[in-house]
Each structure stands twice: as C-alpha cells, then as structure tokens.
Amino acid sequence: MEPNKKKDVALLFLAEISRMKPERLQDVIRSVVGEELASAMFNYARQVIEADANKVVENAASMIILGYLIRAYETGAIPSENTTV
C-alpha cells in the first residue's frame, strides 16, 4: 500500500471511530481485539504513560503506532531481519 493511501485509510478509520457510539466501539474492540489483548494493551499503555506523564501526546502517538505495528506483524507484513526490504 502506498504511504499516502495508508494515511488516508488511517484517517478515515480514525474519523469513523470518533463518531462511533461508545457501545459500538466496545463491541468492535471485544470482537476484533478480544478482552485479554485489550487488557494487556491498556496495562502497557498505563505503564508507558506513568513512566513519563509529561509526554502524553507522544505516548498516545506511540500507542497508536504500536497498535499498527502489531497488526502488521499479525499479517506477516513485517519482514524478518534476514529479509531484504
């Protein structure tokens, strides 16, 4: 996927979830992420934010990027170190 296309898709998704009713968002999280993984991610986010609460924006951005990387890893989109990109 082209870099601009990735950005466009991400912005569309972020706009969509910002308009979602909280109940719908919770249903999506439960069905797509699962309660166990969501809990692990919330705990990790808490640890990162508590480590330096003055960097809330940077920490939030890092969490979003980390979520994207986890998804890419799940789909095999992250090549191993031995693979030429």
PDB file of N, CA and C in Angstrom:
ATOM      1  N   MET A   1       0.849  -1.184   0.000  1.00  0.00           N
ATOM      2  CA  MET A   1       0.000   0.000   0.000  1.00  0.00           C
ATOM      3  C   MET A   1       0.892   1.245   0.000  1.00  0.00           C
ATOM      4  N   GLU A   2       0.541   2.222  -0.781  1.00  0.00           N
ATOM      5  CA  GLU A   2       1.305   3.458  -0.871  1.00  0.00           C
ATOM      6  C   GLU A   2       1.197   4.246   0.435  1.00  0.00           C
ATOM      7  N   PRO A   3       2.266   4.987   0.802  1.00  0.00           N
ATOM      8  CA  PRO A   3       2.228   5.753   2.057  1.00  0.00           C
ATOM      9  C   PRO A   3       1.022   6.674   2.188  1.00  0.00           C
ATOM     10  N   ASN A   4       0.667   7.431   1.140  1.00  0.00           N
ATOM     11  CA  ASN A   4      -0.486   8.327   1.243  1.00  0.00           C
ATOM     12  C   ASN A   4      -1.776   7.551   1.406  1.00  0.00           C
ATOM     13  N   LYS A   5      -1.872   6.414   0.761  1.00  0.00           N
ATOM     14  CA  LYS A   5      -3.065   5.586   0.888  1.00  0.00           C
ATOM     15  C   LYS A   5      -3.189   5.084   2.322  1.00  0.00           C
ATOM     16  N   LYS A   6      -2.085   4.678   2.936  1.00  0.00           N
ATOM     17  CA  LYS A   6      -2.105   4.238   4.329  1.00  0.00           C
ATOM     18  C   LYS A   6      -2.627   5.358   5.222  1.00  0.00           C
ATOM     19  N   LYS A   7      -2.113   6.555   4.988  1.00  0.00           N
ATOM     20  CA  LYS A   7      -2.544   7.701   5.791  1.00  0.00           C
ATOM     21  C   LYS A   7      -4.027   7.959   5.595  1.00  0.00           C
ATOM     22  N   ASP A   8      -4.488   7.925   4.348  1.00  0.00           N
ATOM     23  CA  ASP A   8      -5.900   8.180   4.064  1.00  0.00           C
ATOM     24  C   ASP A   8      -6.805   7.152   4.732  1.00  0.00           C
ATOM     25  N   VAL A   9      -6.418   5.887   4.648  1.00  0.00           N
ATOM     26  CA  VAL A   9      -7.205   4.824   5.274  1.00  0.00           C
ATOM     27  C   VAL A   9      -7.229   5.017   6.792  1.00  0.00           C
ATOM     28  N   ALA A  10      -6.070   5.336   7.369  1.00  0.00           N
ATOM     29  CA  ALA A  10      -5.991   5.551   8.810  1.00  0.00           C
ATOM     30  C   ALA A  10      -6.861   6.726   9.231  1.00  0.00           C
ATOM     31  N   LEU A  11      -6.803   7.820   8.493  1.00  0.00           N
ATOM     32  CA  LEU A  11      -7.609   8.988   8.845  1.00  0.00           C
ATOM     33  C   LEU A  11      -9.101   8.710   8.714  1.00  0.00           C
ATOM     34  N   LEU A  12      -9.483   7.957   7.688  1.00  0.00           N
ATOM     35  CA  LEU A  12     -10.887   7.571   7.554  1.00  0.00           C
ATOM     36  C   LEU A  12     -11.337   6.731   8.738  1.00  0.00           C
ATOM     37  N   PHE A  13     -10.495   5.769   9.123  1.00  0.00           N
ATOM     38  CA  PHE A  13     -10.843   4.907  10.252  1.00  0.00           C
ATOM     39  C   PHE A  13     -10.930   5.710  11.548  1.00  0.00           C
ATOM     40  N   LEU A  14      -9.959   6.600  11.779  1.00  0.00           N
ATOM     41  CA  LEU A  14      -9.984   7.421  12.992  1.00  0.00           C
ATOM     42  C   LEU A  14     -11.231   8.303  13.032  1.00  0.00           C
ATOM     43  N   ALA A  15     -11.620   8.841  11.893  1.00  0.00           N
ATOM     44  CA  ALA A  15     -12.846   9.644  11.837  1.00  0.00           C
ATOM     45  C   ALA A  15     -14.062   8.784  12.145  1.00  0.00           C
ATOM     46  N   GLU A  16     -14.057   7.564  11.607  1.00  0.00           N
ATOM     47  CA  GLU A  16     -15.194   6.662  11.848  1.00  0.00           C
ATOM     48  C   GLU A  16     -15.311   6.297  13.321  1.00  0.00           C
ATOM     49  N   ILE A  17     -14.193   5.936  13.953  1.00  0.00           N
ATOM     50  CA  ILE A  17     -14.308   5.540  15.360  1.00  0.00           C
ATOM     51  C   ILE A  17     -14.610   6.739  16.254  1.00  0.00           C
ATOM     52  N   SER A  18     -14.228   7.939  15.833  1.00  0.00           N
ATOM     53  CA  SER A  18     -14.549   9.110  16.655  1.00  0.00           C
ATOM     54  C   SER A  18     -16.046   9.404  16.643  1.00  0.00           C
ATOM     55  N   ARG A  19     -16.743   8.939  15.611  1.00  0.00           N
ATOM     56  CA  ARG A  19     -18.198   9.128  15.528  1.00  0.00           C
ATOM     57  C   ARG A  19     -18.982   7.950  16.104  1.00  0.00           C
ATOM     58  N   MET A  20     -18.293   6.854  16.397  1.00  0.00           N
ATOM     59  CA  MET A  20     -18.984   5.661  16.906  1.00  0.00           C
ATOM     60  C   MET A  20     -19.567   5.895  18.284  1.00  0.00           C
ATOM     61  N   LYS A  21     -20.705   5.296  18.493  1.00  0.00           N
ATOM     62  CA  LYS A  21     -21.283   5.293  19.837  1.00  0.00           C
ATOM     63  C   LYS A  21     -20.383   4.427  20.712  1.00  0.00           C
ATOM     64  N   PRO A  22     -20.216   4.796  21.972  1.00  0.00           N
ATOM     65  CA  PRO A  22     -19.334   4.024  22.857  1.00  0.00           C
ATOM     66  C   PRO A  22     -19.663   2.524  22.914  1.00  0.00           C
ATOM     67  N   GLU A  23     -20.941   2.198  22.877  1.00  0.00           N
ATOM     68  CA  GLU A  23     -21.334   0.781  22.918  1.00  0.00           C
ATOM     69  C   GLU A  23     -20.841   0.041  21.683  1.00  0.00           C
ATOM     70  N   ARG A  24     -20.950   0.689  20.534  1.00  0.00           N
ATOM     71  CA  ARG A  24     -20.491   0.077  19.275  1.00  0.00           C
ATOM     72  C   ARG A  24     -18.973  -0.102  19.307  1.00  0.00           C
ATOM     73  N   LEU A  25     -18.257   0.913  19.782  1.00  0.00           N
ATOM     74  CA  LEU A  25     -16.803   0.811  19.869  1.00  0.00           C
ATOM     75  C   LEU A  25     -16.403  -0.329  20.789  1.00  0.00           C
ATOM     76  N   GLN A  26     -17.061  -0.460  21.918  1.00  0.00           N
ATOM     77  CA  GLN A  26     -16.766  -1.558  22.839  1.00  0.00           C
ATOM     78  C   GLN A  26     -17.038  -2.914  22.186  1.00  0.00           C
ATOM     79  N   ASP A  27     -18.123  -3.007  21.421  1.00  0.00           N
ATOM     80  CA  ASP A  27     -18.431  -4.255  20.705  1.00  0.00           C
ATOM     81  C   ASP A  27     -17.341  -4.582  19.690  1.00  0.00           C
ATOM     82  N   VAL A  28     -16.875  -3.563  18.965  1.00  0.00           N
ATOM     83  CA  VAL A  28     -15.815  -3.765  17.970  1.00  0.00           C
ATOM     84  C   VAL A  28     -14.538  -4.224  18.669  1.00  0.00           C
ATOM     85  N   ILE A  29     -14.187  -3.564  19.765  1.00  0.00           N
ATOM     86  CA  ILE A  29     -12.980  -3.946  20.500  1.00  0.00           C
ATOM     87  C   ILE A  29     -13.089  -5.385  20.985  1.00  0.00           C
ATOM     88  N   ARG A  30     -14.229  -5.742  21.568  1.00  0.00           N
ATOM     89  CA  ARG A  30     -14.407  -7.117  22.060  1.00  0.00           C
ATOM     90  C   ARG A  30     -14.305  -8.140  20.936  1.00  0.00           C
ATOM     91  N   SER A  31     -14.930  -7.854  19.803  1.00  0.00           N
ATOM     92  CA  SER A  31     -14.958  -8.855  18.731  1.00  0.00           C
ATOM     93  C   SER A  31     -13.661  -8.911  17.934  1.00  0.00           C
ATOM     94  N   VAL A  32     -12.979  -7.789  17.764  1.00  0.00           N
ATOM     95  CA  VAL A  32     -11.776  -7.765  16.929  1.00  0.00           C
ATOM     96  C   VAL A  32     -10.511  -7.972  17.755  1.00  0.00           C
ATOM     97  N   VAL A  33     -10.404  -7.262  18.858  1.00  0.00           N
ATOM     98  CA  VAL A  33      -9.200  -7.321  19.676  1.00  0.00           C
ATOM     99  C   VAL A  33      -9.290  -8.426  20.720  1.00  0.00           C
ATOM    100  N   GLY A  34     -10.435  -8.545  21.337  1.00  0.00           N
ATOM    101  CA  GLY A  34     -10.616  -9.516  22.414  1.00  0.00           C
ATOM    102  C   GLY A  34     -10.296  -8.873  23.755  1.00  0.00           C
ATOM    103  N   GLU A  35     -10.974  -9.350  24.787  1.00  0.00           N
ATOM    104  CA  GLU A  35     -10.827  -8.750  26.118  1.00  0.00           C
ATOM    105  C   GLU A  35      -9.416  -8.914  26.681  1.00  0.00           C
ATOM    106  N   GLU A  36      -8.815 -10.084  26.489  1.00  0.00           N
ATOM    107  CA  GLU A  36      -7.479 -10.335  27.048  1.00  0.00           C
ATOM    108  C   GLU A  36      -6.427  -9.425  26.436  1.00  0.00           C
ATOM    109  N   LEU A  37      -6.418  -9.330  25.115  1.00  0.00           N
ATOM    110  CA  LEU A  37      -5.435  -8.486  24.444  1.00  0.00           C
ATOM    111  C   LEU A  37      -5.690  -7.012  24.754  1.00  0.00           C
ATOM    112  N   ALA A  38      -6.954  -6.600  24.767  1.00  0.00           N
ATOM    113  CA  ALA A  38      -7.270  -5.208  25.103  1.00  0.00           C
ATOM    114  C   ALA A  38      -6.765  -4.882  26.507  1.00  0.00           C
ATOM    115  N   SER A  39      -6.959  -5.788  27.440  1.00  0.00           N
ATOM    116  CA  SER A  39      -6.493  -5.577  28.802  1.00  0.00           C
ATOM    117  C   SER A  39      -4.970  -5.457  28.846  1.00  0.00           C
ATOM    118  N   ALA A  40      -4.284  -6.324  28.116  1.00  0.00           N
ATOM    119  CA  ALA A  40      -2.817  -6.264  28.070  1.00  0.00           C
ATOM    120  C   ALA A  40      -2.352  -4.936  27.482  1.00  0.00           C
ATOM    121  N   MET A  41      -3.041  -4.463  26.444  1.00  0.00           N
ATOM    122  CA  MET A  41      -2.664  -3.197  25.825  1.00  0.00           C
ATOM    123  C   MET A  41      -2.944  -2.019  26.759  1.00  0.00           C
ATOM    124  N   PHE A  42      -4.067  -2.047  27.463  1.00  0.00           N
ATOM    125  CA  PHE A  42      -4.366  -0.984  28.428  1.00  0.00           C
ATOM    126  C   PHE A  42      -3.308  -0.950  29.523  1.00  0.00           C
ATOM    127  N   ASN A  43      -2.909  -2.111  30.003  1.00  0.00           N
ATOM    128  CA  ASN A  43      -1.884  -2.169  31.045  1.00  0.00           C
ATOM    129  C   ASN A  43      -0.542  -1.641  30.536  1.00  0.00           C
ATOM    130  N   TYR A  44      -0.184  -1.996  29.326  1.00  0.00           N
ATOM    131  CA  TYR A  44       1.063  -1.499  28.746  1.00  0.00           C
ATOM    132  C   TYR A  44       1.006   0.020  28.584  1.00  0.00           C
ATOM    133  N   ALA A  45      -0.118   0.523  28.085  1.00  0.00           N
ATOM    134  CA  ALA A  45      -0.276   1.968  27.914  1.00  0.00           C
ATOM    135  C   ALA A  45      -0.160   2.685  29.254  1.00  0.00           C
ATOM    136  N   ARG A  46      -0.744   2.112  30.274  1.00  0.00           N
ATOM    137  CA  ARG A  46      -0.663   2.701  31.616  1.00  0.00           C
ATOM    138  C   ARG A  46       0.798   2.783  32.071  1.00  0.00           C
ATOM    139  N   GLN A  47       1.554   1.710  31.854  1.00  0.00           N
ATOM    140  CA  GLN A  47       2.969   1.697  32.246  1.00  0.00           C
ATOM    141  C   GLN A  47       3.756   2.784  31.511  1.00  0.00           C
ATOM    142  N   VAL A  48       3.510   2.912  30.209  1.00  0.00           N
ATOM    143  CA  VAL A  48       4.230   3.897  29.405  1.00  0.00           C
ATOM    144  C   VAL A  48       3.876   5.315  29.862  1.00  0.00           C
ATOM    145  N   ILE A  49       2.608   5.571  30.084  1.00  0.00           N
ATOM    146  CA  ILE A  49       2.181   6.907  30.489  1.00  0.00           C
ATOM    147  C   ILE A  49       2.683   7.238  31.885  1.00  0.00           C
ATOM    148  N   GLU A  50       2.655   6.273  32.787  1.00  0.00           N
ATOM    149  CA  GLU A  50       3.152   6.520  34.137  1.00  0.00           C
ATOM    150  C   GLU A  50       4.657   6.746  34.151  1.00  0.00           C
ATOM    151  N   ALA A  51       5.366   6.192  33.192  1.00  0.00           N
ATOM    152  CA  ALA A  51       6.813   6.375  33.125  1.00  0.00           C
ATOM    153  C   ALA A  51       7.170   7.837  32.875  1.00  0.00           C
ATOM    154  N   ASP A  52       6.363   8.541  32.086  1.00  0.00           N
ATOM    155  CA  ASP A  52       6.600   9.958  31.847  1.00  0.00           C
ATOM    156  C   ASP A  52       5.278  10.619  31.469  1.00  0.00           C
ATOM    157  N   ALA A  53       4.513  10.991  32.479  1.00  0.00           N
ATOM    158  CA  ALA A  53       3.183  11.571  32.272  1.00  0.00           C
ATOM    159  C   ALA A  53       3.225  12.910  31.548  1.00  0.00           C
ATOM    160  N   ASN A  54       4.388  13.556  31.478  1.00  0.00           N
ATOM    161  CA  ASN A  54       4.506  14.846  30.797  1.00  0.00           C
ATOM    162  C   ASN A  54       4.513  14.706  29.279  1.00  0.00           C
ATOM    163  N   LYS A  55       4.630  13.487  28.794  1.00  0.00           N
ATOM    164  CA  LYS A  55       4.686  13.253  27.346  1.00  0.00           C
ATOM    165  C   LYS A  55       3.423  12.530  26.866  1.00  0.00           C
ATOM    166  N   VAL A  56       2.263  13.026  27.266  1.00  0.00           N
ATOM    167  CA  VAL A  56       1.005  12.352  26.955  1.00  0.00           C
ATOM    168  C   VAL A  56       0.786  12.219  25.449  1.00  0.00           C
ATOM    169  N   VAL A  57       1.023  13.276  24.696  1.00  0.00           N
ATOM    170  CA  VAL A  57       0.789  13.229  23.249  1.00  0.00           C
ATOM    171  C   VAL A  57       1.749  12.246  22.589  1.00  0.00           C
ATOM    172  N   GLU A  58       3.018  12.311  22.943  1.00  0.00           N
ATOM    173  CA  GLU A  58       3.991  11.390  22.372  1.00  0.00           C
ATOM    174  C   GLU A  58       3.654   9.952  22.735  1.00  0.00           C
ATOM    175  N   ASN A  59       3.248   9.733  23.994  1.00  0.00           N
ATOM    176  CA  ASN A  59       2.887   8.386  24.427  1.00  0.00           C
ATOM    177  C   ASN A  59       1.656   7.868  23.693  1.00  0.00           C
ATOM    178  N   ALA A  60       0.670   8.735  23.506  1.00  0.00           N
ATOM    179  CA  ALA A  60      -0.537   8.324  22.778  1.00  0.00           C
ATOM    180  C   ALA A  60      -0.194   7.974  21.333  1.00  0.00           C
ATOM    181  N   ALA A  61       0.625   8.785  20.704  1.00  0.00           N
ATOM    182  CA  ALA A  61       1.037   8.507  19.325  1.00  0.00           C
ATOM    183  C   ALA A  61       1.805   7.193  19.264  1.00  0.00           C
ATOM    184  N   SER A  62       2.660   6.966  20.248  1.00  0.00           N
ATOM    185  CA  SER A  62       3.421   5.712  20.288  1.00  0.00           C
ATOM    186  C   SER A  62       2.486   4.516  20.404  1.00  0.00           C
ATOM    187  N   MET A  63       1.431   4.642  21.176  1.00  0.00           N
ATOM    188  CA  MET A  63       0.467   3.547  21.335  1.00  0.00           C
ATOM    189  C   MET A  63      -0.249   3.260  20.014  1.00  0.00           C
ATOM    190  N   ILE A  64      -0.595   4.322  19.294  1.00  0.00           N
ATOM    191  CA  ILE A  64      -1.262   4.125  18.001  1.00  0.00           C
ATOM    192  C   ILE A  64      -0.313   3.434  17.026  1.00  0.00           C
ATOM    193  N   ILE A  65       0.926   3.891  16.978  1.00  0.00           N
ATOM    194  CA  ILE A  65       1.918   3.277  16.090  1.00  0.00           C
ATOM    195  C   ILE A  65       2.162   1.832  16.487  1.00  0.00           C
ATOM    196  N   LEU A  66       2.260   1.576  17.766  1.00  0.00           N
ATOM    197  CA  LEU A  66       2.470   0.209  18.241  1.00  0.00           C
ATOM    198  C   LEU A  66       1.309  -0.693  17.826  1.00  0.00           C
ATOM    199  N   GLY A  67       0.088  -0.196  17.947  1.00  0.00           N
ATOM    200  CA  GLY A  67      -1.074  -0.971  17.506  1.00  0.00           C
ATOM    201  C   GLY A  67      -0.995  -1.309  16.030  1.00  0.00           C
ATOM    202  N   TYR A  68      -0.567  -0.349  15.228  1.00  0.00           N
ATOM    203  CA  TYR A  68      -0.414  -0.576  13.792  1.00  0.00           C
ATOM    204  C   TYR A  68       0.661  -1.626  13.533  1.00  0.00           C
ATOM    205  N   LEU A  69       1.761  -1.528  14.261  1.00  0.00           N
ATOM    206  CA  LEU A  69       2.843  -2.497  14.089  1.00  0.00           C
ATOM    207  C   LEU A  69       2.416  -3.900  14.504  1.00  0.00           C
ATOM    208  N   ILE A  70       1.650  -4.003  15.567  1.00  0.00           N
ATOM    209  CA  ILE A  70       1.154  -5.317  15.997  1.00  0.00           C
ATOM    210  C   ILE A  70       0.296  -5.922  14.895  1.00  0.00           C
ATOM    211  N   ARG A  71      -0.582  -5.115  14.310  1.00  0.00           N
ATOM    212  CA  ARG A  71      -1.442  -5.603  13.224  1.00  0.00           C
ATOM    213  C   ARG A  71      -0.596  -6.033  12.025  1.00  0.00           C
ATOM    214  N   ALA A  72       0.401  -5.244  11.697  1.00  0.00           N
ATOM    215  CA  ALA A  72       1.283  -5.593  10.577  1.00  0.00           C
ATOM    216  C   ALA A  72       2.016  -6.904  10.867  1.00  0.00           C
ATOM    217  N   TYR A  73       2.450  -7.080  12.097  1.00  0.00           N
ATOM    218  CA  TYR A  73       3.140  -8.311  12.491  1.00  0.00           C
ATOM    219  C   TYR A  73       2.202  -9.508  12.364  1.00  0.00           C
ATOM    220  N   GLU A  74       0.949  -9.330  12.791  1.00  0.00           N
ATOM    221  CA  GLU A  74      -0.039 -10.412  12.696  1.00  0.00           C
ATOM    222  C   GLU A  74      -0.256 -10.866  11.256  1.00  0.00           C
ATOM    223  N   THR A  75      -0.213  -9.924  10.334  1.00  0.00           N
ATOM    224  CA  THR A  75      -0.470 -10.255   8.928  1.00  0.00           C
ATOM    225  C   THR A  75       0.782 -10.638   8.165  1.00  0.00           C
ATOM    226  N   GLY A  76       1.928 -10.651   8.856  1.00  0.00           N
ATOM    227  CA  GLY A  76       3.171 -11.029   8.205  1.00  0.00           C
ATOM    228  C   GLY A  76       3.793  -9.910   7.391  1.00  0.00           C
ATOM    229  N   ALA A  77       3.349  -8.676   7.607  1.00  0.00           N
ATOM    230  CA  ALA A  77       3.852  -7.549   6.821  1.00  0.00           C
ATOM    231  C   ALA A  77       5.205  -7.036   7.311  1.00  0.00           C
ATOM    232  N   ILE A  78       5.684  -7.532   8.436  1.00  0.00           N
ATOM    233  CA  ILE A  78       6.999  -7.123   8.924  1.00  0.00           C
ATOM    234  C   ILE A  78       7.991  -8.231   8.582  1.00  0.00           C
ATOM    235  N   PRO A  79       8.914  -7.942   7.663  1.00  0.00           N
ATOM    236  CA  PRO A  79       9.873  -8.976   7.269  1.00  0.00           C
ATOM    237  C   PRO A  79      10.857  -9.280   8.398  1.00  0.00           C
ATOM    238  N   SER A  80      11.381 -10.478   8.382  1.00  0.00           N
ATOM    239  CA  SER A  80      12.390 -10.832   9.385  1.00  0.00           C
ATOM    240  C   SER A  80      13.657 -10.035   9.107  1.00  0.00           C
ATOM    241  N   GLU A  81      14.542 -10.008  10.064  1.00  0.00           N
ATOM    242  CA  GLU A  81      15.804  -9.257   9.909  1.00  0.00           C
ATOM    243  C   GLU A  81      16.639  -9.812   8.761  1.00  0.00           C
ATOM    244  N   ASN A  82      16.455 -11.062   8.426  1.00  0.00           N
ATOM    245  CA  ASN A  82      17.251 -11.705   7.374  1.00  0.00           C
ATOM    246  C   ASN A  82      16.697 -11.448   5.985  1.00  0.00           C
ATOM    247  N   THR A  83      15.562 -10.763   5.902  1.00  0.00           N
ATOM    248  CA  THR A  83      14.928 -10.495   4.621  1.00  0.00           C
ATOM    249  C   THR A  83      15.262  -9.092   4.177  1.00  0.00           C
ATOM    250  N   THR A  84      15.610  -8.920   2.919  1.00  0.00           N
ATOM    251  CA  THR A  84      15.890  -7.607   2.365  1.00  0.00           C
ATOM    252  C   THR A  84      14.565  -6.926   2.065  1.00  0.00           C
ATOM    253  N   VAL A  85      14.429  -5.664   2.516  1.00  0.00           N
ATOM    254  CA  VAL A  85      13.192  -4.917   2.294  1.00  0.00           C
ATOM    255  C   VAL A  85      13.196  -4.255   0.955  1.00  0.00           C
TER     256      VAL A  85
END
